[in-house]
């Protein structure tokens, strides 16, 4: 029983700050890296997303930070049931 509590505490100590950091990073990416609207941006988005480097960087960072937040939330959820 003691080992289970140690694992639970360890999971919460790791995933709690990771969740908060990843949520803050996601908001930062949404505010800082989102490309400004341009008439050509619609063409890039629907046809050649990889040719617009700002949009590609924004999408990549947005996906990474959102995935980190989801994984940390799942670990926190799993820690409640161990």
C-alpha atoms as a PDB file:
ATOM      1  CA  UNK A   1       0.000   0.000   0.000  1.00  0.00           C
ATOM      2  CA  UNK A   2       2.902   2.369   0.716  1.00  0.00           C
ATOM      3  CA  UNK A   3       4.383   1.879  -2.741  1.00  0.00           C
ATOM      4  CA  UNK A   4       1.080   2.734  -4.401  1.00  0.00           C
ATOM      5  CA  UNK A   5       0.883   5.999  -2.463  1.00  0.00           C
ATOM      6  CA  UNK A   6       4.450   6.837  -3.454  1.00  0.00           C
ATOM      7  CA  UNK A   7       3.620   6.227  -7.115  1.00  0.00           C
ATOM      8  CA  UNK A   8       0.476   8.333  -6.843  1.00  0.00           C
ATOM      9  CA  UNK A   9       2.373  11.213  -5.244  1.00  0.00           C
ATOM     10  CA  UNK A  10       5.121  10.960  -7.853  1.00  0.00           C
ATOM     11  CA  UNK A  11       2.602  11.001 -10.708  1.00  0.00           C
ATOM     12  CA  UNK A  12       0.802  14.019  -9.283  1.00  0.00           C
ATOM     13  CA  UNK A  13       4.078  15.880  -8.640  1.00  0.00           C
ATOM     14  CA  UNK A  14       5.216  15.309 -12.218  1.00  0.00           C
ATOM     15  CA  UNK A  15       1.988  15.645 -14.164  1.00  0.00           C
ATOM     16  CA  UNK A  16       0.495  18.548 -12.197  1.00  0.00           C
ATOM     17  CA  UNK A  17       3.166  21.109 -13.088  1.00  0.00           C
ATOM     18  CA  UNK A  18       3.441  19.618 -16.583  1.00  0.00           C
ATOM     19  CA  UNK A  19      -0.263  20.239 -17.085  1.00  0.00           C
ATOM     20  CA  UNK A  20      -0.043  23.835 -15.895  1.00  0.00           C
ATOM     21  CA  UNK A  21       3.065  24.537 -17.962  1.00  0.00           C
ATOM     22  CA  UNK A  22       1.609  23.000 -21.100  1.00  0.00           C
ATOM     23  CA  UNK A  23      -1.656  24.945 -20.737  1.00  0.00           C
ATOM     24  CA  UNK A  24       0.338  28.165 -20.314  1.00  0.00           C
ATOM     25  CA  UNK A  25       2.490  27.255 -23.329  1.00  0.00           C
ATOM     26  CA  UNK A  26      -0.621  26.506 -25.393  1.00  0.00           C
ATOM     27  CA  UNK A  27      -2.101  29.912 -24.583  1.00  0.00           C
ATOM     28  CA  UNK A  28       1.248  31.560 -25.383  1.00  0.00           C
ATOM     29  CA  UNK A  29       1.415  29.799 -28.756  1.00  0.00           C
ATOM     30  CA  UNK A  30      -2.159  30.824 -29.531  1.00  0.00           C
ATOM     31  CA  UNK A  31      -1.394  34.463 -28.765  1.00  0.00           C
ATOM     32  CA  UNK A  32       2.163  34.773 -30.061  1.00  0.00           C
ATOM     33  CA  UNK A  33       2.541  32.484 -33.081  1.00  0.00           C
ATOM     34  CA  UNK A  34      -0.874  32.687 -34.704  1.00  0.00           C
ATOM     35  CA  UNK A  35      -0.274  34.261 -38.125  1.00  0.00           C
ATOM     36  CA  UNK A  36      -2.015  37.493 -38.903  1.00  0.00           C
ATOM     37  CA  UNK A  37      -4.842  37.269 -41.401  1.00  0.00           C
ATOM     38  CA  UNK A  38      -3.705  37.645 -44.971  1.00  0.00           C
ATOM     39  CA  UNK A  39      -5.714  37.151 -48.145  1.00  0.00           C
ATOM     40  CA  UNK A  40      -3.118  34.640 -49.348  1.00  0.00           C
ATOM     41  CA  UNK A  41      -3.297  32.739 -46.066  1.00  0.00           C
ATOM     42  CA  UNK A  42      -6.553  31.043 -47.071  1.00  0.00           C
ATOM     43  CA  UNK A  43      -4.903  29.716 -50.235  1.00  0.00           C
ATOM     44  CA  UNK A  44      -1.945  28.412 -48.271  1.00  0.00           C
ATOM     45  CA  UNK A  45      -4.150  26.790 -45.671  1.00  0.00           C
ATOM     46  CA  UNK A  46      -6.322  24.871 -48.064  1.00  0.00           C
ATOM     47  CA  UNK A  47      -3.714  24.018 -50.684  1.00  0.00           C
ATOM     48  CA  UNK A  48      -0.114  24.179 -49.517  1.00  0.00           C
ATOM     49  CA  UNK A  49       0.117  24.551 -45.783  1.00  0.00           C
ATOM     50  CA  UNK A  50       3.767  23.576 -45.713  1.00  0.00           C
ATOM     51  CA  UNK A  51       4.675  26.504 -47.991  1.00  0.00           C
ATOM     52  CA  UNK A  52       3.632  29.042 -45.369  1.00  0.00           C
ATOM     53  CA  UNK A  53       6.303  28.637 -42.655  1.00  0.00           C
ATOM     54  CA  UNK A  54       4.543  30.738 -40.008  1.00  0.00           C
ATOM     55  CA  UNK A  55       1.356  28.696 -40.299  1.00  0.00           C
ATOM     56  CA  UNK A  56       3.268  25.418 -40.249  1.00  0.00           C
ATOM     57  CA  UNK A  57       5.187  26.467 -37.113  1.00  0.00           C
ATOM     58  CA  UNK A  58       1.987  27.596 -35.417  1.00  0.00           C
ATOM     59  CA  UNK A  59       0.205  24.319 -36.187  1.00  0.00           C
ATOM     60  CA  UNK A  60       3.148  22.220 -35.011  1.00  0.00           C
ATOM     61  CA  UNK A  61       3.605  24.079 -31.717  1.00  0.00           C
ATOM     62  CA  UNK A  62      -0.129  24.188 -31.101  1.00  0.00           C
ATOM     63  CA  UNK A  63      -0.450  20.431 -31.578  1.00  0.00           C
ATOM     64  CA  UNK A  64       2.560  19.675 -29.367  1.00  0.00           C
ATOM     65  CA  UNK A  65       1.398  21.838 -26.463  1.00  0.00           C
ATOM     66  CA  UNK A  66      -2.176  20.576 -26.670  1.00  0.00           C
ATOM     67  CA  UNK A  67      -0.998  16.953 -26.727  1.00  0.00           C
ATOM     68  CA  UNK A  68       1.208  17.567 -23.681  1.00  0.00           C
ATOM     69  CA  UNK A  69      -1.744  19.044 -21.804  1.00  0.00           C
ATOM     70  CA  UNK A  70      -3.969  16.086 -22.709  1.00  0.00           C
ATOM     71  CA  UNK A  71      -1.341  13.536 -21.676  1.00  0.00           C
ATOM     72  CA  UNK A  72      -0.725  15.302 -18.362  1.00  0.00           C
ATOM     73  CA  UNK A  73      -4.465  15.476 -17.691  1.00  0.00           C
ATOM     74  CA  UNK A  74      -4.805  11.759 -18.413  1.00  0.00           C
ATOM     75  CA  UNK A  75      -1.950  10.942 -16.048  1.00  0.00           C
ATOM     76  CA  UNK A  76      -3.571  13.064 -13.335  1.00  0.00           C
ATOM     77  CA  UNK A  77      -6.854  11.263 -13.955  1.00  0.00           C
ATOM     78  CA  UNK A  78      -5.120   7.878 -13.801  1.00  0.00           C
ATOM     79  CA  UNK A  79      -3.376   8.843 -10.554  1.00  0.00           C
ATOM     80  CA  UNK A  80      -6.750   9.189  -8.852  1.00  0.00           C
ATOM     81  CA  UNK A  81      -7.604   5.562  -9.566  1.00  0.00           C
ATOM     82  CA  UNK A  82      -4.313   3.871  -8.645  1.00  0.00           C
END
